[in-house]
Amino acid sequence: MTIRSRGASTTPGARRGARCLGALSSTLLITLLVAPGCASPPIADRPIEFESVDPWSLHVVTEDADGDVRAARIWIVSLDGDGYIRTKQSRWFANLERGSWCRIRVDGREYPVEVEMIDDPVLRERIDAAFAEKYGWQESLVIGDGRAQSADPYMRLRAIR
């Protein structure tokens, strides 16, 4: 294999280096594909209990249009036994709009959930208050006031039983 670009050396040493780099890239790719721990976590055998979720170790998991799995760290609150999340425009939210399945990943397990959009302004205010209570000053620093009146998507997550 010969790699040529403007200003590239075509000496035997340079060609040998290019072959080694190509072999290294292939080895690295294979290692990444078969490395232990790369598989998706198992699906939980019980529904998620939103009241007991750790706020710093939670991911929403969806499927991209090309079939890749997307996991994004999110904040979540619990009200009346359901989980609630918010987002700006994000790829995982675009996946949900497209009809992707949704799971919550926590403590090494994935929990299937149903997602429902929330438009009720009173419920959105309750959700904001729950986020402010749970996350304190971090919530006000990251989000600010008046989010409930925004067009940002608010979602209810219901455990699939």
C-alpha atoms as a PDB file:
ATOM      1  CA  MET A   1       0.000   0.000   0.000  1.00  0.00           C
ATOM      2  CA  THR A   2       1.359   3.406  -0.914  1.00  0.00           C
ATOM      3  CA  ILE A   3       0.151   6.582   0.734  1.00  0.00           C
ATOM      4  CA  ARG A   4       1.033   9.744  -1.140  1.00  0.00           C
ATOM      5  CA  SER A   5       0.174  13.287  -0.335  1.00  0.00           C
ATOM      6  CA  ARG A   6       1.758  16.582  -1.217  1.00  0.00           C
ATOM      7  CA  GLY A   7       5.134  16.735   0.478  1.00  0.00           C
ATOM      8  CA  ALA A   8       4.992  13.128   1.765  1.00  0.00           C
ATOM      9  CA  SER A   9       8.146  11.080   1.531  1.00  0.00           C
ATOM     10  CA  THR A  10       8.002   7.968  -0.636  1.00  0.00           C
ATOM     11  CA  THR A  11      11.146   6.398   0.762  1.00  0.00           C
ATOM     12  CA  PRO A  12      10.955   2.736   1.818  1.00  0.00           C
ATOM     13  CA  GLY A  13      11.082   3.791   5.482  1.00  0.00           C
ATOM     14  CA  ALA A  14       8.133   6.135   5.052  1.00  0.00           C
ATOM     15  CA  ARG A  15       6.112   3.457   3.245  1.00  0.00           C
ATOM     16  CA  ARG A  16       6.936   0.925   5.980  1.00  0.00           C
ATOM     17  CA  GLY A  17       5.792   3.477   8.601  1.00  0.00           C
ATOM     18  CA  ALA A  18       2.509   3.997   6.771  1.00  0.00           C
ATOM     19  CA  ARG A  19       1.904   0.223   6.655  1.00  0.00           C
ATOM     20  CA  CYS A  20       2.640  -0.060  10.392  1.00  0.00           C
ATOM     21  CA  LEU A  21       0.283   2.797  11.155  1.00  0.00           C
ATOM     22  CA  GLY A  22      -2.426   1.130   9.060  1.00  0.00           C
ATOM     23  CA  ALA A  23      -1.890  -2.164  10.873  1.00  0.00           C
ATOM     24  CA  LEU A  24      -1.943  -0.386  14.232  1.00  0.00           C
ATOM     25  CA  SER A  25      -5.220   1.344  13.320  1.00  0.00           C
ATOM     26  CA  SER A  26      -6.785  -1.985  12.321  1.00  0.00           C
ATOM     27  CA  THR A  27      -5.593  -3.640  15.540  1.00  0.00           C
ATOM     28  CA  LEU A  28      -6.918  -0.742  17.616  1.00  0.00           C
ATOM     29  CA  LEU A  29     -10.290  -0.883  15.871  1.00  0.00           C
ATOM     30  CA  ILE A  30     -10.594  -4.631  16.429  1.00  0.00           C
ATOM     31  CA  THR A  31      -9.581  -4.223  20.074  1.00  0.00           C
ATOM     32  CA  LEU A  32     -12.224  -1.550  20.587  1.00  0.00           C
ATOM     33  CA  LEU A  33     -14.913  -3.690  18.978  1.00  0.00           C
ATOM     34  CA  VAL A  34     -14.250  -6.807  21.039  1.00  0.00           C
ATOM     35  CA  ALA A  35     -12.919  -5.320  24.268  1.00  0.00           C
ATOM     36  CA  PRO A  36     -14.666  -6.535  27.436  1.00  0.00           C
ATOM     37  CA  GLY A  37     -17.199  -4.112  28.857  1.00  0.00           C
ATOM     38  CA  CYS A  38     -18.235  -2.695  25.498  1.00  0.00           C
ATOM     39  CA  ALA A  39     -21.529  -4.559  25.384  1.00  0.00           C
ATOM     40  CA  SER A  40     -24.731  -2.807  26.424  1.00  0.00           C
ATOM     41  CA  PRO A  41     -25.736  -3.330  30.049  1.00  0.00           C
ATOM     42  CA  PRO A  42     -28.417  -5.954  30.659  1.00  0.00           C
ATOM     43  CA  ILE A  43     -32.087  -5.036  30.717  1.00  0.00           C
ATOM     44  CA  ALA A  44     -33.321  -4.916  34.309  1.00  0.00           C
ATOM     45  CA  ASP A  45     -35.690  -7.626  35.465  1.00  0.00           C
ATOM     46  CA  ARG A  46     -37.842  -5.163  37.417  1.00  0.00           C
ATOM     47  CA  PRO A  47     -39.227  -1.680  36.684  1.00  0.00           C
ATOM     48  CA  ILE A  48     -37.211   1.378  37.643  1.00  0.00           C
ATOM     49  CA  GLU A  49     -38.137   3.149  40.887  1.00  0.00           C
ATOM     50  CA  PHE A  50     -37.579   6.818  40.132  1.00  0.00           C
ATOM     51  CA  GLU A  51     -37.628   7.840  43.808  1.00  0.00           C
ATOM     52  CA  SER A  52     -34.375   5.946  44.431  1.00  0.00           C
ATOM     53  CA  VAL A  53     -32.364   7.083  41.377  1.00  0.00           C
ATOM     54  CA  ASP A  54     -28.930   8.652  41.985  1.00  0.00           C
ATOM     55  CA  PRO A  55     -28.850  12.026  40.177  1.00  0.00           C
ATOM     56  CA  TRP A  56     -25.196  11.759  39.140  1.00  0.00           C
ATOM     57  CA  SER A  57     -25.166   8.326  37.537  1.00  0.00           C
ATOM     58  CA  LEU A  58     -28.140   8.395  35.217  1.00  0.00           C
ATOM     59  CA  HIS A  59     -28.226   8.156  31.427  1.00  0.00           C
ATOM     60  CA  VAL A  60     -31.031   8.302  28.897  1.00  0.00           C
ATOM     61  CA  VAL A  61     -30.418   5.726  26.160  1.00  0.00           C
ATOM     62  CA  THR A  62     -31.972   5.930  22.687  1.00  0.00           C
ATOM     63  CA  GLU A  63     -31.243   4.660  19.187  1.00  0.00           C
ATOM     64  CA  ASP A  64     -29.835   6.921  16.456  1.00  0.00           C
ATOM     65  CA  ALA A  65     -31.258   6.739  12.920  1.00  0.00           C
ATOM     66  CA  ASP A  66     -28.235   4.674  11.819  1.00  0.00           C
ATOM     67  CA  GLY A  67     -28.852   2.102  14.576  1.00  0.00           C
ATOM     68  CA  ASP A  68     -26.113   3.292  16.938  1.00  0.00           C
ATOM     69  CA  VAL A  69     -27.034   3.442  20.604  1.00  0.00           C
ATOM     70  CA  ARG A  70     -26.805   6.918  22.156  1.00  0.00           C
ATOM     71  CA  ALA A  71     -26.399   7.374  25.909  1.00  0.00           C
ATOM     72  CA  ALA A  72     -26.454  10.866  27.408  1.00  0.00           C
ATOM     73  CA  ARG A  73     -26.040  11.876  31.042  1.00  0.00           C
ATOM     74  CA  ILE A  74     -29.133  13.694  32.277  1.00  0.00           C
ATOM     75  CA  TRP A  75     -30.705  15.085  35.419  1.00  0.00           C
ATOM     76  CA  ILE A  76     -33.996  13.578  36.543  1.00  0.00           C
ATOM     77  CA  VAL A  77     -36.591  14.245  39.239  1.00  0.00           C
ATOM     78  CA  SER A  78     -39.398  12.123  40.606  1.00  0.00           C
ATOM     79  CA  LEU A  79     -42.957  13.347  41.133  1.00  0.00           C
ATOM     80  CA  ASP A  80     -45.861  11.083  42.027  1.00  0.00           C
ATOM     81  CA  GLY A  81     -43.848   7.956  41.172  1.00  0.00           C
ATOM     82  CA  ASP A  82     -42.872   9.013  37.642  1.00  0.00           C
ATOM     83  CA  GLY A  83     -39.550  10.388  36.413  1.00  0.00           C
ATOM     84  CA  TYR A  84     -39.310  13.764  34.687  1.00  0.00           C
ATOM     85  CA  ILE A  85     -36.580  15.068  32.418  1.00  0.00           C
ATOM     86  CA  ARG A  86     -36.018  18.210  30.362  1.00  0.00           C
ATOM     87  CA  THR A  87     -33.725  19.055  27.498  1.00  0.00           C
ATOM     88  CA  LYS A  88     -32.854  21.619  24.921  1.00  0.00           C
ATOM     89  CA  GLN A  89     -32.666  20.291  21.365  1.00  0.00           C
ATOM     90  CA  SER A  90     -30.378  17.261  21.592  1.00  0.00           C
ATOM     91  CA  ARG A  91     -29.651  14.201  19.488  1.00  0.00           C
ATOM     92  CA  TRP A  92     -31.236  11.846  22.004  1.00  0.00           C
ATOM     93  CA  PHE A  93     -34.397  13.983  21.989  1.00  0.00           C
ATOM     94  CA  ALA A  94     -34.393  13.977  18.170  1.00  0.00           C
ATOM     95  CA  ASN A  95     -34.258  10.172  18.410  1.00  0.00           C
ATOM     96  CA  LEU A  96     -37.364  10.193  20.618  1.00  0.00           C
ATOM     97  CA  GLU A  97     -39.179  12.479  18.174  1.00  0.00           C
ATOM     98  CA  ARG A  98     -38.290  10.018  15.410  1.00  0.00           C
ATOM     99  CA  GLY A  99     -39.831   7.175  17.443  1.00  0.00           C
ATOM    100  CA  SER A 100     -36.810   5.562  19.094  1.00  0.00           C
ATOM    101  CA  TRP A 101     -37.223   3.325  22.117  1.00  0.00           C
ATOM    102  CA  CYS A 102     -36.024   4.800  25.403  1.00  0.00           C
ATOM    103  CA  ARG A 103     -34.259   3.311  28.402  1.00  0.00           C
ATOM    104  CA  ILE A 104     -32.799   4.727  31.588  1.00  0.00           C
ATOM    105  CA  ARG A 105     -29.345   3.392  32.446  1.00  0.00           C
ATOM    106  CA  VAL A 106     -28.428   3.386  36.120  1.00  0.00           C
ATOM    107  CA  ASP A 107     -26.313   1.134  38.349  1.00  0.00           C
ATOM    108  CA  GLY A 108     -25.226  -1.102  35.457  1.00  0.00           C
ATOM    109  CA  ARG A 109     -28.755  -1.885  34.224  1.00  0.00           C
ATOM    110  CA  GLU A 110     -31.097  -0.458  31.603  1.00  0.00           C
ATOM    111  CA  TYR A 111     -34.773   0.117  32.386  1.00  0.00           C
ATOM    112  CA  PRO A 112     -37.280   0.469  29.517  1.00  0.00           C
ATOM    113  CA  VAL A 113     -39.554   3.498  29.913  1.00  0.00           C
ATOM    114  CA  GLU A 114     -42.447   5.149  28.093  1.00  0.00           C
ATOM    115  CA  VAL A 115     -41.995   8.825  27.275  1.00  0.00           C
ATOM    116  CA  GLU A 116     -44.824  11.372  27.339  1.00  0.00           C
ATOM    117  CA  MET A 117     -44.418  15.048  26.400  1.00  0.00           C
ATOM    118  CA  ILE A 118     -45.567  17.550  29.052  1.00  0.00           C
ATOM    119  CA  ASP A 119     -47.270  20.766  27.917  1.00  0.00           C
ATOM    120  CA  ASP A 120     -49.252  21.607  31.085  1.00  0.00           C
ATOM    121  CA  PRO A 121     -47.713  24.857  32.457  1.00  0.00           C
ATOM    122  CA  VAL A 122     -48.672  24.041  36.069  1.00  0.00           C
ATOM    123  CA  LEU A 123     -46.958  20.641  35.899  1.00  0.00           C
ATOM    124  CA  ARG A 124     -43.926  22.219  34.208  1.00  0.00           C
ATOM    125  CA  GLU A 125     -43.647  24.653  37.143  1.00  0.00           C
ATOM    126  CA  ARG A 126     -43.820  21.705  39.591  1.00  0.00           C
ATOM    127  CA  ILE A 127     -41.093  19.949  37.620  1.00  0.00           C
ATOM    128  CA  ASP A 128     -38.888  23.052  37.744  1.00  0.00           C
ATOM    129  CA  ALA A 129     -39.439  23.351  41.506  1.00  0.00           C
ATOM    130  CA  ALA A 130     -38.484  19.690  41.963  1.00  0.00           C
ATOM    131  CA  PHE A 131     -35.280  20.208  39.940  1.00  0.00           C
ATOM    132  CA  ALA A 132     -34.420  23.309  41.991  1.00  0.00           C
ATOM    133  CA  GLU A 133     -34.967  21.407  45.238  1.00  0.00           C
ATOM    134  CA  LYS A 134     -32.943  18.392  44.131  1.00  0.00           C
ATOM    135  CA  TYR A 135     -30.016  20.140  42.428  1.00  0.00           C
ATOM    136  CA  GLY A 136     -29.931  23.415  44.370  1.00  0.00           C
ATOM    137  CA  TRP A 137     -27.582  26.143  43.194  1.00  0.00           C
ATOM    138  CA  GLN A 138     -26.399  24.017  40.257  1.00  0.00           C
ATOM    139  CA  GLU A 139     -29.905  24.090  38.795  1.00  0.00           C
ATOM    140  CA  SER A 140     -30.125  27.892  38.959  1.00  0.00           C
ATOM    141  CA  LEU A 141     -26.615  28.291  37.543  1.00  0.00           C
ATOM    142  CA  VAL A 142     -27.193  25.971  34.589  1.00  0.00           C
ATOM    143  CA  ILE A 143     -30.864  26.644  33.844  1.00  0.00           C
ATOM    144  CA  GLY A 144     -31.912  30.023  35.227  1.00  0.00           C
ATOM    145  CA  ASP A 145     -35.456  31.211  35.819  1.00  0.00           C
ATOM    146  CA  GLY A 146     -38.508  30.967  33.593  1.00  0.00           C
ATOM    147  CA  ARG A 147     -37.730  27.694  31.864  1.00  0.00           C
ATOM    148  CA  ALA A 148     -41.275  26.356  32.342  1.00  0.00           C
ATOM    149  CA  GLN A 149     -42.519  29.059  29.953  1.00  0.00           C
ATOM    150  CA  SER A 150     -39.936  28.095  27.318  1.00  0.00           C
ATOM    151  CA  ALA A 151     -40.479  25.807  24.369  1.00  0.00           C
ATOM    152  CA  ASP A 152     -37.967  23.317  25.807  1.00  0.00           C
ATOM    153  CA  PRO A 153     -39.243  19.735  25.834  1.00  0.00           C
ATOM    154  CA  TYR A 154     -40.376  18.376  29.218  1.00  0.00           C
ATOM    155  CA  MET A 155     -41.028  14.651  29.434  1.00  0.00           C
ATOM    156  CA  ARG A 156     -42.630  12.192  31.850  1.00  0.00           C
ATOM    157  CA  LEU A 157     -40.975   8.798  32.055  1.00  0.00           C
ATOM    158  CA  ARG A 158     -43.172   5.903  33.093  1.00  0.00           C
ATOM    159  CA  ALA A 159     -41.692   2.585  34.064  1.00  0.00           C
ATOM    160  CA  ILE A 160     -42.728  -0.265  31.788  1.00  0.00           C
ATOM    161  CA  ARG A 161     -43.968  -3.049  34.028  1.00  0.00           C
END
